[in-house]
Amino acid sequence: MERLELVNRVRRKIDEVSAQDTPLQTVTIADENAVDTIIDSLLDESAREILLKAPVQRLTVTSSSPSIVRNDNDTTTGYIQVPADFLRLVSFRMGDWHRSVTEPAIKGDALSMRQHNKYIRGGVAKPVGVLSRNEKGIILEYYSTKQAEHTLAEFLYIKEDVAENIADGQMIDALTWICAGKVLSVLGNFQMAQNAYDNAQSLMI
């Protein structure tokens, strides 16, 4: 969807929750007022919120085959360097795993700490993925595999994207409500902002 149309939709959402007698004017290409600028500056931030929180089935899922780096000190483990546009994991599976990892642990949490113990760490039946970071960016550590040659069966993720590329109609509606809430918060209309956020939440199904 064109960015200008998204701006217009946000303005209409603001009108819906606004108690003002005079609605905000329709946006035109020549209209560069402060509200338009605020809306435009918050659209991609609102899209990121959608991409992080919306049901996966309503988002565009990207498949990738990142390279595998084996752990030199432990041949059953390793990591993949996730793509630069990675935002959220959908599914990750090594070649001999019985099931996919869809909810990764985060480096430093209790589940990730257990992976340092080879007797209680994840294995092919109950694998574990751990999101971490190295000098090149985000990595996904895997625990563990019995393969002599570590092979990747599946890596699906949600990528970082701009507001114009949100495709699902219901998620576009949620995005514009979120953006309307952010704009209203900036303008100090916190109750109206909460109403907008509530409307967005009702669509995140």
C-alpha atoms as a PDB file:
ATOM      1  CA  MET A   1       0.000   0.000   0.000  1.00  0.00           C
ATOM      2  CA  GLU A   2       1.229   3.498  -0.836  1.00  0.00           C
ATOM      3  CA  ARG A   3       2.640   5.439   2.096  1.00  0.00           C
ATOM      4  CA  LEU A   4       0.363   8.418   1.452  1.00  0.00           C
ATOM      5  CA  GLU A   5      -2.696   6.169   1.713  1.00  0.00           C
ATOM      6  CA  LEU A   6      -1.380   4.796   5.000  1.00  0.00           C
ATOM      7  CA  VAL A   7      -1.010   8.350   6.303  1.00  0.00           C
ATOM      8  CA  ASN A   8      -4.605   9.081   5.260  1.00  0.00           C
ATOM      9  CA  ARG A   9      -5.822   5.942   7.029  1.00  0.00           C
ATOM     10  CA  VAL A  10      -4.044   6.925  10.223  1.00  0.00           C
ATOM     11  CA  ARG A  11      -5.635  10.367  10.079  1.00  0.00           C
ATOM     12  CA  ARG A  12      -9.064   8.772   9.685  1.00  0.00           C
ATOM     13  CA  LYS A  13      -8.368   6.548  12.682  1.00  0.00           C
ATOM     14  CA  ILE A  14      -7.433   9.637  14.711  1.00  0.00           C
ATOM     15  CA  ASP A  15     -10.706  11.258  13.644  1.00  0.00           C
ATOM     16  CA  GLU A  16     -12.624   8.194  14.850  1.00  0.00           C
ATOM     17  CA  VAL A  17     -11.337   8.468  18.406  1.00  0.00           C
ATOM     18  CA  SER A  18     -11.030  12.223  18.497  1.00  0.00           C
ATOM     19  CA  ALA A  19     -13.540  14.326  20.413  1.00  0.00           C
ATOM     20  CA  GLN A  20     -12.688  17.410  18.398  1.00  0.00           C
ATOM     21  CA  ASP A  21     -15.479  19.082  16.469  1.00  0.00           C
ATOM     22  CA  THR A  22     -13.288  19.648  13.434  1.00  0.00           C
ATOM     23  CA  PRO A  23     -11.680  16.499  11.980  1.00  0.00           C
ATOM     24  CA  LEU A  24      -8.135  16.524  10.719  1.00  0.00           C
ATOM     25  CA  GLN A  25      -7.923  17.541   7.083  1.00  0.00           C
ATOM     26  CA  THR A  26      -7.438  14.955   4.361  1.00  0.00           C
ATOM     27  CA  VAL A  27      -3.795  14.522   3.453  1.00  0.00           C
ATOM     28  CA  THR A  28      -2.659  15.620   0.014  1.00  0.00           C
ATOM     29  CA  ILE A  29       0.750  15.377  -1.589  1.00  0.00           C
ATOM     30  CA  ALA A  30       1.311  19.074  -0.899  1.00  0.00           C
ATOM     31  CA  ASP A  31       0.179  18.809   2.717  1.00  0.00           C
ATOM     32  CA  GLU A  32       3.271  18.866   4.916  1.00  0.00           C
ATOM     33  CA  ASN A  33       1.749  19.870   8.246  1.00  0.00           C
ATOM     34  CA  ALA A  34       3.160  18.701  11.549  1.00  0.00           C
ATOM     35  CA  VAL A  35       0.645  15.865  12.050  1.00  0.00           C
ATOM     36  CA  ASP A  36       1.524  14.358   8.679  1.00  0.00           C
ATOM     37  CA  THR A  37       5.203  14.474   9.564  1.00  0.00           C
ATOM     38  CA  ILE A  38       4.584  12.770  12.901  1.00  0.00           C
ATOM     39  CA  ILE A  39       2.468  10.058  11.269  1.00  0.00           C
ATOM     40  CA  ASP A  40       5.068   9.386   8.592  1.00  0.00           C
ATOM     41  CA  SER A  41       7.860   9.188  11.162  1.00  0.00           C
ATOM     42  CA  LEU A  42       5.946   6.580  13.191  1.00  0.00           C
ATOM     43  CA  LEU A  43       4.663   4.296  10.418  1.00  0.00           C
ATOM     44  CA  ASP A  44       7.703   2.010  10.225  1.00  0.00           C
ATOM     45  CA  GLU A  45       7.948   1.821  14.015  1.00  0.00           C
ATOM     46  CA  SER A  46       4.289   0.734  14.029  1.00  0.00           C
ATOM     47  CA  ALA A  47       4.995  -1.827  11.315  1.00  0.00           C
ATOM     48  CA  ARG A  48       7.794  -3.282  13.434  1.00  0.00           C
ATOM     49  CA  GLU A  49       5.346  -3.734  16.287  1.00  0.00           C
ATOM     50  CA  ILE A  50       3.004  -5.623  13.952  1.00  0.00           C
ATOM     51  CA  LEU A  51       5.822  -7.833  12.679  1.00  0.00           C
ATOM     52  CA  LEU A  52       6.885  -8.683  16.231  1.00  0.00           C
ATOM     53  CA  LYS A  53       3.438  -9.356  17.689  1.00  0.00           C
ATOM     54  CA  ALA A  54       0.974 -10.372  14.968  1.00  0.00           C
ATOM     55  CA  PRO A  55       0.032 -14.022  14.345  1.00  0.00           C
ATOM     56  CA  VAL A  56       2.533 -15.576  11.957  1.00  0.00           C
ATOM     57  CA  GLN A  57      -0.212 -16.720   9.582  1.00  0.00           C
ATOM     58  CA  ARG A  58      -1.054 -13.074   8.856  1.00  0.00           C
ATOM     59  CA  LEU A  59       2.521 -12.104   7.992  1.00  0.00           C
ATOM     60  CA  THR A  60       4.895 -12.751   5.104  1.00  0.00           C
ATOM     61  CA  VAL A  61       7.269 -15.560   6.071  1.00  0.00           C
ATOM     62  CA  THR A  62      10.749 -15.615   4.521  1.00  0.00           C
ATOM     63  CA  SER A  63      12.793 -18.786   3.957  1.00  0.00           C
ATOM     64  CA  SER A  64      16.574 -18.693   4.069  1.00  0.00           C
ATOM     65  CA  SER A  65      19.546 -21.071   4.082  1.00  0.00           C
ATOM     66  CA  PRO A  66      22.208 -19.367   6.197  1.00  0.00           C
ATOM     67  CA  SER A  67      25.559 -21.065   6.582  1.00  0.00           C
ATOM     68  CA  ILE A  68      26.303 -23.299   9.548  1.00  0.00           C
ATOM     69  CA  VAL A  69      29.304 -22.780  11.829  1.00  0.00           C
ATOM     70  CA  ARG A  70      30.183 -25.857  13.872  1.00  0.00           C
ATOM     71  CA  ASN A  71      31.542 -25.525  17.381  1.00  0.00           C
ATOM     72  CA  ASP A  72      35.207 -26.581  17.341  1.00  0.00           C
ATOM     73  CA  ASN A  73      35.089 -27.759  20.941  1.00  0.00           C
ATOM     74  CA  ASP A  74      31.774 -29.596  20.790  1.00  0.00           C
ATOM     75  CA  THR A  75      30.952 -31.304  17.508  1.00  0.00           C
ATOM     76  CA  THR A  76      27.251 -31.687  18.349  1.00  0.00           C
ATOM     77  CA  THR A  77      26.580 -27.950  18.492  1.00  0.00           C
ATOM     78  CA  GLY A  78      27.108 -24.804  16.456  1.00  0.00           C
ATOM     79  CA  TYR A  79      25.278 -21.750  15.210  1.00  0.00           C
ATOM     80  CA  ILE A  80      23.894 -20.033  12.167  1.00  0.00           C
ATOM     81  CA  GLN A  81      24.435 -16.368  11.373  1.00  0.00           C
ATOM     82  CA  VAL A  82      20.905 -15.136  10.789  1.00  0.00           C
ATOM     83  CA  PRO A  83      20.144 -12.772   7.870  1.00  0.00           C
ATOM     84  CA  ALA A  84      20.714  -9.062   8.466  1.00  0.00           C
ATOM     85  CA  ASP A  85      16.978  -8.346   8.137  1.00  0.00           C
ATOM     86  CA  PHE A  86      16.009 -10.981  10.729  1.00  0.00           C
ATOM     87  CA  LEU A  87      13.368  -9.802  13.179  1.00  0.00           C
ATOM     88  CA  ARG A  88      11.519 -12.845  14.510  1.00  0.00           C
ATOM     89  CA  LEU A  89      11.939 -16.608  14.285  1.00  0.00           C
ATOM     90  CA  VAL A  90       9.155 -18.694  12.793  1.00  0.00           C
ATOM     91  CA  SER A  91      10.739 -22.138  12.528  1.00  0.00           C
ATOM     92  CA  PHE A  92      14.245 -23.603  12.742  1.00  0.00           C
ATOM     93  CA  ARG A  93      15.162 -27.259  12.314  1.00  0.00           C
ATOM     94  CA  MET A  94      18.384 -29.173  11.825  1.00  0.00           C
ATOM     95  CA  GLY A  95      18.378 -32.211   9.564  1.00  0.00           C
ATOM     96  CA  ASP A  96      18.027 -34.895  12.238  1.00  0.00           C
ATOM     97  CA  TRP A  97      15.708 -33.054  14.630  1.00  0.00           C
ATOM     98  CA  HIS A  98      12.331 -34.634  15.370  1.00  0.00           C
ATOM     99  CA  ARG A  99      10.656 -31.243  15.615  1.00  0.00           C
ATOM    100  CA  SER A 100      11.294 -27.590  14.908  1.00  0.00           C
ATOM    101  CA  VAL A 101      12.252 -24.822  17.304  1.00  0.00           C
ATOM    102  CA  THR A 102       9.696 -21.996  17.134  1.00  0.00           C
ATOM    103  CA  GLU A 103      10.389 -20.222  20.448  1.00  0.00           C
ATOM    104  CA  PRO A 104      14.128 -19.688  20.935  1.00  0.00           C
ATOM    105  CA  ALA A 105      15.789 -19.104  24.278  1.00  0.00           C
ATOM    106  CA  ILE A 106      17.654 -15.846  24.818  1.00  0.00           C
ATOM    107  CA  LYS A 107      21.324 -15.853  25.760  1.00  0.00           C
ATOM    108  CA  GLY A 108      21.583 -15.605  29.535  1.00  0.00           C
ATOM    109  CA  ASP A 109      18.153 -16.974  30.432  1.00  0.00           C
ATOM    110  CA  ALA A 110      17.642 -20.197  32.377  1.00  0.00           C
ATOM    111  CA  LEU A 111      17.042 -22.398  29.331  1.00  0.00           C
ATOM    112  CA  SER A 112      20.112 -21.094  27.529  1.00  0.00           C
ATOM    113  CA  MET A 113      22.292 -21.707  30.591  1.00  0.00           C
ATOM    114  CA  ARG A 114      21.260 -25.375  30.668  1.00  0.00           C
ATOM    115  CA  GLN A 115      22.702 -25.832  27.185  1.00  0.00           C
ATOM    116  CA  HIS A 116      26.229 -25.670  28.619  1.00  0.00           C
ATOM    117  CA  ASN A 117      25.629 -29.034  30.310  1.00  0.00           C
ATOM    118  CA  LYS A 118      25.821 -31.820  27.718  1.00  0.00           C
ATOM    119  CA  TYR A 119      23.727 -34.128  29.905  1.00  0.00           C
ATOM    120  CA  ILE A 120      20.645 -31.901  30.113  1.00  0.00           C
ATOM    121  CA  ARG A 121      20.905 -29.794  26.963  1.00  0.00           C
ATOM    122  CA  GLY A 122      18.545 -30.064  24.030  1.00  0.00           C
ATOM    123  CA  GLY A 123      18.880 -32.950  21.618  1.00  0.00           C
ATOM    124  CA  VAL A 124      17.255 -34.307  18.490  1.00  0.00           C
ATOM    125  CA  ALA A 125      13.988 -35.138  20.322  1.00  0.00           C
ATOM    126  CA  LYS A 126      13.701 -31.835  22.186  1.00  0.00           C
ATOM    127  CA  PRO A 127      16.026 -29.395  20.450  1.00  0.00           C
ATOM    128  CA  VAL A 128      16.796 -25.899  21.680  1.00  0.00           C
ATOM    129  CA  GLY A 129      17.774 -22.769  19.791  1.00  0.00           C
ATOM    130  CA  VAL A 130      19.404 -19.819  21.560  1.00  0.00           C
ATOM    131  CA  LEU A 131      19.471 -16.303  20.173  1.00  0.00           C
ATOM    132  CA  SER A 132      22.774 -14.617  20.827  1.00  0.00           C
ATOM    133  CA  ARG A 133      25.139 -12.180  19.145  1.00  0.00           C
ATOM    134  CA  ASN A 134      28.676 -12.091  17.821  1.00  0.00           C
ATOM    135  CA  GLU A 135      30.756  -9.425  16.096  1.00  0.00           C
ATOM    136  CA  LYS A 136      28.811  -9.899  12.855  1.00  0.00           C
ATOM    137  CA  GLY A 137      25.320  -9.635  14.353  1.00  0.00           C
ATOM    138  CA  ILE A 138      22.623 -11.990  15.618  1.00  0.00           C
ATOM    139  CA  ILE A 139      23.271 -15.715  15.705  1.00  0.00           C
ATOM    140  CA  LEU A 140      21.078 -18.717  16.517  1.00  0.00           C
ATOM    141  CA  GLU A 141      22.909 -21.424  18.436  1.00  0.00           C
ATOM    142  CA  TYR A 142      21.580 -24.969  18.117  1.00  0.00           C
ATOM    143  CA  TYR A 143      21.550 -27.747  20.711  1.00  0.00           C
ATOM    144  CA  SER A 144      22.159 -30.306  19.444  1.00  0.00           C
ATOM    145  CA  THR A 145      22.650 -32.675  16.510  1.00  0.00           C
ATOM    146  CA  LYS A 146      24.051 -36.158  16.005  1.00  0.00           C
ATOM    147  CA  GLN A 147      24.865 -35.582  12.354  1.00  0.00           C
ATOM    148  CA  ALA A 148      28.425 -36.044  11.220  1.00  0.00           C
ATOM    149  CA  GLU A 149      27.830 -33.208   8.773  1.00  0.00           C
ATOM    150  CA  HIS A 150      25.554 -30.572  10.270  1.00  0.00           C
ATOM    151  CA  THR A 151      22.764 -29.790   7.820  1.00  0.00           C
ATOM    152  CA  LEU A 152      19.968 -27.259   8.023  1.00  0.00           C
ATOM    153  CA  ALA A 153      16.500 -28.537   7.148  1.00  0.00           C
ATOM    154  CA  GLU A 154      14.507 -25.320   7.635  1.00  0.00           C
ATOM    155  CA  PHE A 155      14.938 -21.713   8.614  1.00  0.00           C
ATOM    156  CA  LEU A 156      11.835 -19.517   8.403  1.00  0.00           C
ATOM    157  CA  TYR A 157      11.615 -16.025   9.810  1.00  0.00           C
ATOM    158  CA  ILE A 158       9.842 -12.679   9.761  1.00  0.00           C
ATOM    159  CA  LYS A 159      12.048  -9.976   8.322  1.00  0.00           C
ATOM    160  CA  GLU A 160      12.265  -6.306   9.219  1.00  0.00           C
ATOM    161  CA  ASP A 161      10.182  -4.330   6.725  1.00  0.00           C
ATOM    162  CA  VAL A 162       8.591  -0.965   6.023  1.00  0.00           C
ATOM    163  CA  ALA A 163       4.934  -0.188   6.610  1.00  0.00           C
ATOM    164  CA  GLU A 164       4.082  -0.197   2.898  1.00  0.00           C
ATOM    165  CA  ASN A 165       4.957  -3.891   2.638  1.00  0.00           C
ATOM    166  CA  ILE A 166       2.487  -5.160   5.244  1.00  0.00           C
ATOM    167  CA  ALA A 167       0.153  -7.169   3.035  1.00  0.00           C
ATOM    168  CA  ASP A 168      -2.653  -8.556   5.201  1.00  0.00           C
ATOM    169  CA  GLY A 169      -5.672  -6.236   5.253  1.00  0.00           C
ATOM    170  CA  GLN A 170      -6.476  -6.824   8.907  1.00  0.00           C
ATOM    171  CA  MET A 171      -2.854  -6.182   9.889  1.00  0.00           C
ATOM    172  CA  ILE A 172      -2.845  -2.952   7.864  1.00  0.00           C
ATOM    173  CA  ASP A 173      -5.863  -1.897   9.901  1.00  0.00           C
ATOM    174  CA  ALA A 174      -4.053  -2.829  13.134  1.00  0.00           C
ATOM    175  CA  LEU A 175      -0.914  -0.997  11.992  1.00  0.00           C
ATOM    176  CA  THR A 176      -2.819   2.216  11.340  1.00  0.00           C
ATOM    177  CA  TRP A 177      -4.511   1.977  14.734  1.00  0.00           C
ATOM    178  CA  ILE A 178      -1.129   1.515  16.430  1.00  0.00           C
ATOM    179  CA  CYS A 179       0.274   4.480  14.539  1.00  0.00           C
ATOM    180  CA  ALA A 180      -2.774   6.567  15.460  1.00  0.00           C
ATOM    181  CA  GLY A 181      -2.175   5.661  19.111  1.00  0.00           C
ATOM    182  CA  LYS A 182       1.459   6.681  18.902  1.00  0.00           C
ATOM    183  CA  VAL A 183       0.565  10.001  17.260  1.00  0.00           C
ATOM    184  CA  LEU A 184      -2.095  10.737  19.873  1.00  0.00           C
ATOM    185  CA  SER A 185       0.415   9.963  22.631  1.00  0.00           C
ATOM    186  CA  VAL A 186       2.881  12.415  21.099  1.00  0.00           C
ATOM    187  CA  LEU A 187       0.103  15.019  21.055  1.00  0.00           C
ATOM    188  CA  GLY A 188      -0.720  14.322  24.703  1.00  0.00           C
ATOM    189  CA  ASN A 189      -4.109  12.680  24.090  1.00  0.00           C
ATOM    190  CA  PHE A 190      -3.417   9.606  26.200  1.00  0.00           C
ATOM    191  CA  GLN A 191      -6.980   8.340  26.655  1.00  0.00           C
ATOM    192  CA  MET A 192      -7.625   8.550  22.925  1.00  0.00           C
ATOM    193  CA  ALA A 193      -4.290   6.829  22.361  1.00  0.00           C
ATOM    194  CA  GLN A 194      -5.332   3.961  24.625  1.00  0.00           C
ATOM    195  CA  ASN A 195      -8.582   3.587  22.697  1.00  0.00           C
ATOM    196  CA  ALA A 196      -6.583   3.349  19.482  1.00  0.00           C
ATOM    197  CA  TYR A 197      -4.256   0.714  20.980  1.00  0.00           C
ATOM    198  CA  ASP A 198      -7.253  -1.282  22.202  1.00  0.00           C
ATOM    199  CA  ASN A 199      -8.702  -1.241  18.696  1.00  0.00           C
ATOM    200  CA  ALA A 200      -5.369  -2.496  17.324  1.00  0.00           C
ATOM    201  CA  GLN A 201      -5.182  -5.275  19.903  1.00  0.00           C
ATOM    202  CA  SER A 202      -8.640  -6.519  18.964  1.00  0.00           C
ATOM    203  CA  LEU A 203      -7.381  -7.090  15.415  1.00  0.00           C
ATOM    204  CA  MET A 204      -4.240  -9.033  16.352  1.00  0.00           C
ATOM    205  CA  ILE A 205      -5.854 -12.421  15.941  1.00  0.00           C
END
